[in-house]
Amino acid sequence: MKTLVVYKSKTGYTETYAKWIAQAIACDCKPLKNIKSHDLSDYDHIIYGGGVYASKIAGVNKIKKLARGQLTIFAVGLTAPSDDYLKTLRQSNFIQSEELFYMPGGVDLDKLGFFLRFMMKQMKKSIENKDNPSQEDLDFIKALDGKGQAIDQTQIEPLVNYIREME
């Protein structure tokens, strides 16, 4: 089975995970911005990774249109995953038959554009004004303050094991 890892990364966390995955399973790795439909025709399986922004996985709609073979998705976000959160990600991104993996990331506001930076700061203010913020809310604030999740290479293991079992 010939596999390609494709990613969309705004701050570098998803790119790092993508490269770790590609190295672990000895396959190619490319950014989504460099991918055209014909680039995928040589591959049996596409692994796609994108950052999560307001419950949307960046670039997932584009890769779903381009990929013709098996597709596995990994999302990188600011909060620890819960079953409810993963269900929300599936629903928000119309992920039905594709496998979905989640990996904790972080945020570097300096690498985000003005609009995303503004939105994240507004979300933080909104959370700080809540009477009972959820654990996801608290994780989000910690991540924005630089005290939250950080990438960890061991987080790729479930996805890598899944791919190895398919081979």
C-alpha atoms as a PDB file:
ATOM      1  CA  MET A   1       0.000   0.000   0.000  1.00  0.00           C
ATOM      2  CA  LYS A   2       1.477   3.349  -1.066  1.00  0.00           C
ATOM      3  CA  THR A   3       0.664   6.118   1.412  1.00  0.00           C
ATOM      4  CA  LEU A   4       1.008   9.902   1.388  1.00  0.00           C
ATOM      5  CA  VAL A   5       0.703  12.242   4.355  1.00  0.00           C
ATOM      6  CA  VAL A   6      -0.823  15.614   3.448  1.00  0.00           C
ATOM      7  CA  TYR A   7      -1.202  18.466   5.920  1.00  0.00           C
ATOM      8  CA  LYS A   8      -2.333  22.047   6.363  1.00  0.00           C
ATOM      9  CA  SER A   9      -0.552  23.853   9.167  1.00  0.00           C
ATOM     10  CA  LYS A  10      -0.762  27.482  10.187  1.00  0.00           C
ATOM     11  CA  THR A  11       1.544  27.427  13.208  1.00  0.00           C
ATOM     12  CA  GLY A  12       3.708  24.356  12.621  1.00  0.00           C
ATOM     13  CA  TYR A  13       2.161  21.876  15.059  1.00  0.00           C
ATOM     14  CA  THR A  14       0.256  19.898  12.423  1.00  0.00           C
ATOM     15  CA  GLU A  15       3.264  19.937  10.096  1.00  0.00           C
ATOM     16  CA  THR A  16       5.435  18.451  12.838  1.00  0.00           C
ATOM     17  CA  TYR A  17       2.938  15.652  13.490  1.00  0.00           C
ATOM     18  CA  ALA A  18       2.644  14.998   9.741  1.00  0.00           C
ATOM     19  CA  LYS A  19       6.400  14.655   9.361  1.00  0.00           C
ATOM     20  CA  TRP A  20       6.629  12.353  12.374  1.00  0.00           C
ATOM     21  CA  ILE A  21       3.879  10.144  10.924  1.00  0.00           C
ATOM     22  CA  ALA A  22       5.519  10.042   7.489  1.00  0.00           C
ATOM     23  CA  GLN A  23       8.843   9.126   9.043  1.00  0.00           C
ATOM     24  CA  ALA A  24       7.277   6.405  11.226  1.00  0.00           C
ATOM     25  CA  ILE A  25       5.582   4.690   8.275  1.00  0.00           C
ATOM     26  CA  ALA A  26       8.251   5.577   5.696  1.00  0.00           C
ATOM     27  CA  CYS A  27       6.099   7.492   3.236  1.00  0.00           C
ATOM     28  CA  ASP A  28       5.986  10.851   1.452  1.00  0.00           C
ATOM     29  CA  CYS A  29       4.717  14.009   3.158  1.00  0.00           C
ATOM     30  CA  LYS A  30       3.477  17.170   1.421  1.00  0.00           C
ATOM     31  CA  PRO A  31       1.595  20.355   2.337  1.00  0.00           C
ATOM     32  CA  LEU A  32      -1.962  20.600   1.006  1.00  0.00           C
ATOM     33  CA  LYS A  33      -1.167  23.855  -0.792  1.00  0.00           C
ATOM     34  CA  ASN A  34       1.138  21.912  -3.158  1.00  0.00           C
ATOM     35  CA  ILE A  35      -1.370  19.136  -3.939  1.00  0.00           C
ATOM     36  CA  LYS A  36      -3.457  18.743  -7.087  1.00  0.00           C
ATOM     37  CA  SER A  37      -5.817  15.858  -7.798  1.00  0.00           C
ATOM     38  CA  HIS A  38      -3.393  14.148 -10.205  1.00  0.00           C
ATOM     39  CA  ASP A  39      -0.694  14.200  -7.470  1.00  0.00           C
ATOM     40  CA  LEU A  40      -2.747  11.713  -5.465  1.00  0.00           C
ATOM     41  CA  SER A  41      -3.367   9.169  -8.217  1.00  0.00           C
ATOM     42  CA  ASP A  42      -0.226   7.172  -7.375  1.00  0.00           C
ATOM     43  CA  TYR A  43      -1.304   6.625  -3.762  1.00  0.00           C
ATOM     44  CA  ASP A  44      -3.611   3.996  -2.291  1.00  0.00           C
ATOM     45  CA  HIS A  45      -4.034   5.783   1.020  1.00  0.00           C
ATOM     46  CA  ILE A  46      -3.981   9.434   2.044  1.00  0.00           C
ATOM     47  CA  ILE A  47      -3.429  10.517   5.634  1.00  0.00           C
ATOM     48  CA  TYR A  48      -4.579  14.097   6.092  1.00  0.00           C
ATOM     49  CA  GLY A  49      -3.870  16.397   9.026  1.00  0.00           C
ATOM     50  CA  GLY A  50      -5.261  19.831   9.747  1.00  0.00           C
ATOM     51  CA  GLY A  51      -5.569  22.203  12.668  1.00  0.00           C
ATOM     52  CA  VAL A  52      -8.934  22.702  14.342  1.00  0.00           C
ATOM     53  CA  TYR A  53     -10.439  26.183  14.266  1.00  0.00           C
ATOM     54  CA  ALA A  54     -13.970  26.630  15.656  1.00  0.00           C
ATOM     55  CA  SER A  55     -14.645  22.872  15.268  1.00  0.00           C
ATOM     56  CA  LYS A  56     -13.551  22.890  11.624  1.00  0.00           C
ATOM     57  CA  ILE A  57     -10.497  20.951  10.473  1.00  0.00           C
ATOM     58  CA  ALA A  58      -8.532  23.233   8.154  1.00  0.00           C
ATOM     59  CA  GLY A  59      -8.477  21.936   4.578  1.00  0.00           C
ATOM     60  CA  VAL A  60     -10.477  18.772   5.208  1.00  0.00           C
ATOM     61  CA  ASN A  61     -13.142  19.601   2.615  1.00  0.00           C
ATOM     62  CA  LYS A  62     -10.510  20.123  -0.069  1.00  0.00           C
ATOM     63  CA  ILE A  63      -8.706  16.835   0.616  1.00  0.00           C
ATOM     64  CA  LYS A  64     -11.998  14.938   0.702  1.00  0.00           C
ATOM     65  CA  LYS A  65     -12.704  16.220  -2.816  1.00  0.00           C
ATOM     66  CA  LEU A  66      -9.212  15.397  -4.080  1.00  0.00           C
ATOM     67  CA  ALA A  67      -8.647  12.002  -2.459  1.00  0.00           C
ATOM     68  CA  ARG A  68      -9.994   9.059  -4.441  1.00  0.00           C
ATOM     69  CA  GLY A  69      -8.664   6.200  -2.321  1.00  0.00           C
ATOM     70  CA  GLN A  70      -8.667   5.466   1.385  1.00  0.00           C
ATOM     71  CA  LEU A  71      -8.559   8.570   3.588  1.00  0.00           C
ATOM     72  CA  THR A  72      -7.524   8.783   7.238  1.00  0.00           C
ATOM     73  CA  ILE A  73      -7.784  12.126   9.017  1.00  0.00           C
ATOM     74  CA  PHE A  74      -5.988  13.554  12.022  1.00  0.00           C
ATOM     75  CA  ALA A  75      -6.940  16.800  13.689  1.00  0.00           C
ATOM     76  CA  VAL A  76      -4.676  18.922  15.852  1.00  0.00           C
ATOM     77  CA  GLY A  77      -6.363  21.150  18.403  1.00  0.00           C
ATOM     78  CA  LEU A  78      -5.984  23.056  21.628  1.00  0.00           C
ATOM     79  CA  THR A  79      -8.065  20.879  23.915  1.00  0.00           C
ATOM     80  CA  ALA A  80      -7.784  17.370  25.242  1.00  0.00           C
ATOM     81  CA  PRO A  81     -10.067  15.075  23.258  1.00  0.00           C
ATOM     82  CA  SER A  82     -13.291  13.703  24.656  1.00  0.00           C
ATOM     83  CA  ASP A  83     -15.805  11.419  22.982  1.00  0.00           C
ATOM     84  CA  ASP A  84     -18.250  14.334  22.715  1.00  0.00           C
ATOM     85  CA  TYR A  85     -15.621  16.561  21.143  1.00  0.00           C
ATOM     86  CA  LEU A  86     -14.657  13.923  18.582  1.00  0.00           C
ATOM     87  CA  LYS A  87     -18.342  13.452  17.766  1.00  0.00           C
ATOM     88  CA  THR A  88     -18.630  17.215  17.240  1.00  0.00           C
ATOM     89  CA  LEU A  89     -15.569  17.181  14.948  1.00  0.00           C
ATOM     90  CA  ARG A  90     -17.085  14.352  12.892  1.00  0.00           C
ATOM     91  CA  GLN A  91     -20.392  16.201  12.540  1.00  0.00           C
ATOM     92  CA  SER A  92     -18.897  19.635  11.858  1.00  0.00           C
ATOM     93  CA  ASN A  93     -16.591  18.267   9.161  1.00  0.00           C
ATOM     94  CA  PHE A  94     -18.953  15.670   7.639  1.00  0.00           C
ATOM     95  CA  ILE A  95     -16.554  12.855   8.497  1.00  0.00           C
ATOM     96  CA  GLN A  96     -18.493   9.635   8.154  1.00  0.00           C
ATOM     97  CA  SER A  97     -16.534   6.601   7.008  1.00  0.00           C
ATOM     98  CA  GLU A  98     -13.039   8.034   7.374  1.00  0.00           C
ATOM     99  CA  GLU A  99     -10.977   7.178  10.437  1.00  0.00           C
ATOM    100  CA  LEU A 100     -10.398  10.218  12.660  1.00  0.00           C
ATOM    101  CA  PHE A 101      -7.532  10.689  15.107  1.00  0.00           C
ATOM    102  CA  TYR A 102      -6.962  13.672  17.384  1.00  0.00           C
ATOM    103  CA  MET A 103      -3.664  15.060  18.640  1.00  0.00           C
ATOM    104  CA  PRO A 104      -3.104  17.901  21.092  1.00  0.00           C
ATOM    105  CA  GLY A 105      -1.316  20.924  19.746  1.00  0.00           C
ATOM    106  CA  GLY A 106      -0.814  24.486  20.768  1.00  0.00           C
ATOM    107  CA  VAL A 107      -1.094  27.938  19.345  1.00  0.00           C
ATOM    108  CA  ASP A 108       1.365  30.626  18.380  1.00  0.00           C
ATOM    109  CA  LEU A 109      -0.674  33.790  17.961  1.00  0.00           C
ATOM    110  CA  ASP A 110       2.239  35.509  16.220  1.00  0.00           C
ATOM    111  CA  LYS A 111       1.968  33.006  13.333  1.00  0.00           C
ATOM    112  CA  LEU A 112      -1.751  33.563  12.824  1.00  0.00           C
ATOM    113  CA  GLY A 113      -3.269  36.213  10.619  1.00  0.00           C
ATOM    114  CA  PHE A 114      -5.033  39.225  12.068  1.00  0.00           C
ATOM    115  CA  PHE A 115      -8.532  37.749  11.788  1.00  0.00           C
ATOM    116  CA  LEU A 116      -7.740  34.438  13.549  1.00  0.00           C
ATOM    117  CA  ARG A 117      -5.703  36.218  16.210  1.00  0.00           C
ATOM    118  CA  PHE A 118      -8.613  38.598  16.836  1.00  0.00           C
ATOM    119  CA  MET A 119     -11.150  35.730  16.953  1.00  0.00           C
ATOM    120  CA  MET A 120      -9.073  33.739  19.439  1.00  0.00           C
ATOM    121  CA  LYS A 121      -8.677  36.740  21.714  1.00  0.00           C
ATOM    122  CA  GLN A 122     -12.445  37.351  21.532  1.00  0.00           C
ATOM    123  CA  MET A 123     -13.121  33.693  22.361  1.00  0.00           C
ATOM    124  CA  LYS A 124     -10.795  33.955  25.347  1.00  0.00           C
ATOM    125  CA  LYS A 125     -12.658  37.026  26.639  1.00  0.00           C
ATOM    126  CA  SER A 126     -15.978  35.244  26.189  1.00  0.00           C
ATOM    127  CA  ILE A 127     -14.756  32.197  28.127  1.00  0.00           C
ATOM    128  CA  GLU A 128     -13.341  34.344  30.917  1.00  0.00           C
ATOM    129  CA  ASN A 129     -16.807  35.864  31.359  1.00  0.00           C
ATOM    130  CA  LYS A 130     -18.537  32.470  31.723  1.00  0.00           C
ATOM    131  CA  ASP A 131     -19.757  31.405  35.161  1.00  0.00           C
ATOM    132  CA  ASN A 132     -18.966  27.719  34.564  1.00  0.00           C
ATOM    133  CA  PRO A 133     -16.412  27.258  31.786  1.00  0.00           C
ATOM    134  CA  SER A 134     -16.019  23.701  30.492  1.00  0.00           C
ATOM    135  CA  GLN A 135     -12.752  21.789  30.613  1.00  0.00           C
ATOM    136  CA  GLU A 136     -12.374  22.467  26.877  1.00  0.00           C
ATOM    137  CA  ASP A 137     -12.767  26.189  27.603  1.00  0.00           C
ATOM    138  CA  LEU A 138     -10.092  26.048  30.299  1.00  0.00           C
ATOM    139  CA  ASP A 139      -7.750  24.081  28.013  1.00  0.00           C
ATOM    140  CA  PHE A 140      -8.248  26.721  25.316  1.00  0.00           C
ATOM    141  CA  ILE A 141      -7.281  29.553  27.680  1.00  0.00           C
ATOM    142  CA  LYS A 142      -4.225  27.647  28.938  1.00  0.00           C
ATOM    143  CA  ALA A 143      -3.095  27.039  25.364  1.00  0.00           C
ATOM    144  CA  LEU A 144      -3.474  30.699  24.440  1.00  0.00           C
ATOM    145  CA  ASP A 145      -1.469  31.640  27.524  1.00  0.00           C
ATOM    146  CA  GLY A 146       1.270  29.205  26.507  1.00  0.00           C
ATOM    147  CA  LYS A 147       0.578  26.870  29.436  1.00  0.00           C
ATOM    148  CA  GLY A 148      -1.571  24.303  27.698  1.00  0.00           C
ATOM    149  CA  GLN A 149      -1.097  21.320  25.452  1.00  0.00           C
ATOM    150  CA  ALA A 150       2.133  20.790  23.621  1.00  0.00           C
ATOM    151  CA  ILE A 151       2.913  18.405  20.830  1.00  0.00           C
ATOM    152  CA  ASP A 152       4.156  14.993  21.823  1.00  0.00           C
ATOM    153  CA  GLN A 153       5.509  12.426  19.382  1.00  0.00           C
ATOM    154  CA  THR A 154       3.836   9.575  21.279  1.00  0.00           C
ATOM    155  CA  GLN A 155       0.463  10.981  20.171  1.00  0.00           C
ATOM    156  CA  ILE A 156       1.011   9.605  16.655  1.00  0.00           C
ATOM    157  CA  GLU A 157       1.168   5.993  17.882  1.00  0.00           C
ATOM    158  CA  PRO A 158      -2.566   5.127  17.549  1.00  0.00           C
ATOM    159  CA  LEU A 159      -2.621   6.412  13.955  1.00  0.00           C
ATOM    160  CA  VAL A 160       0.674   4.737  13.041  1.00  0.00           C
ATOM    161  CA  ASN A 161      -0.507   1.430  14.538  1.00  0.00           C
ATOM    162  CA  TYR A 162      -3.770   1.696  12.594  1.00  0.00           C
ATOM    163  CA  ILE A 163      -1.864   2.207   9.331  1.00  0.00           C
ATOM    164  CA  ARG A 164       0.515  -0.666  10.052  1.00  0.00           C
ATOM    165  CA  GLU A 165      -2.441  -2.980  10.706  1.00  0.00           C
ATOM    166  CA  MET A 166      -3.868  -2.057   7.281  1.00  0.00           C
ATOM    167  CA  GLU A 167      -0.666  -2.963   5.441  1.00  0.00           C
END
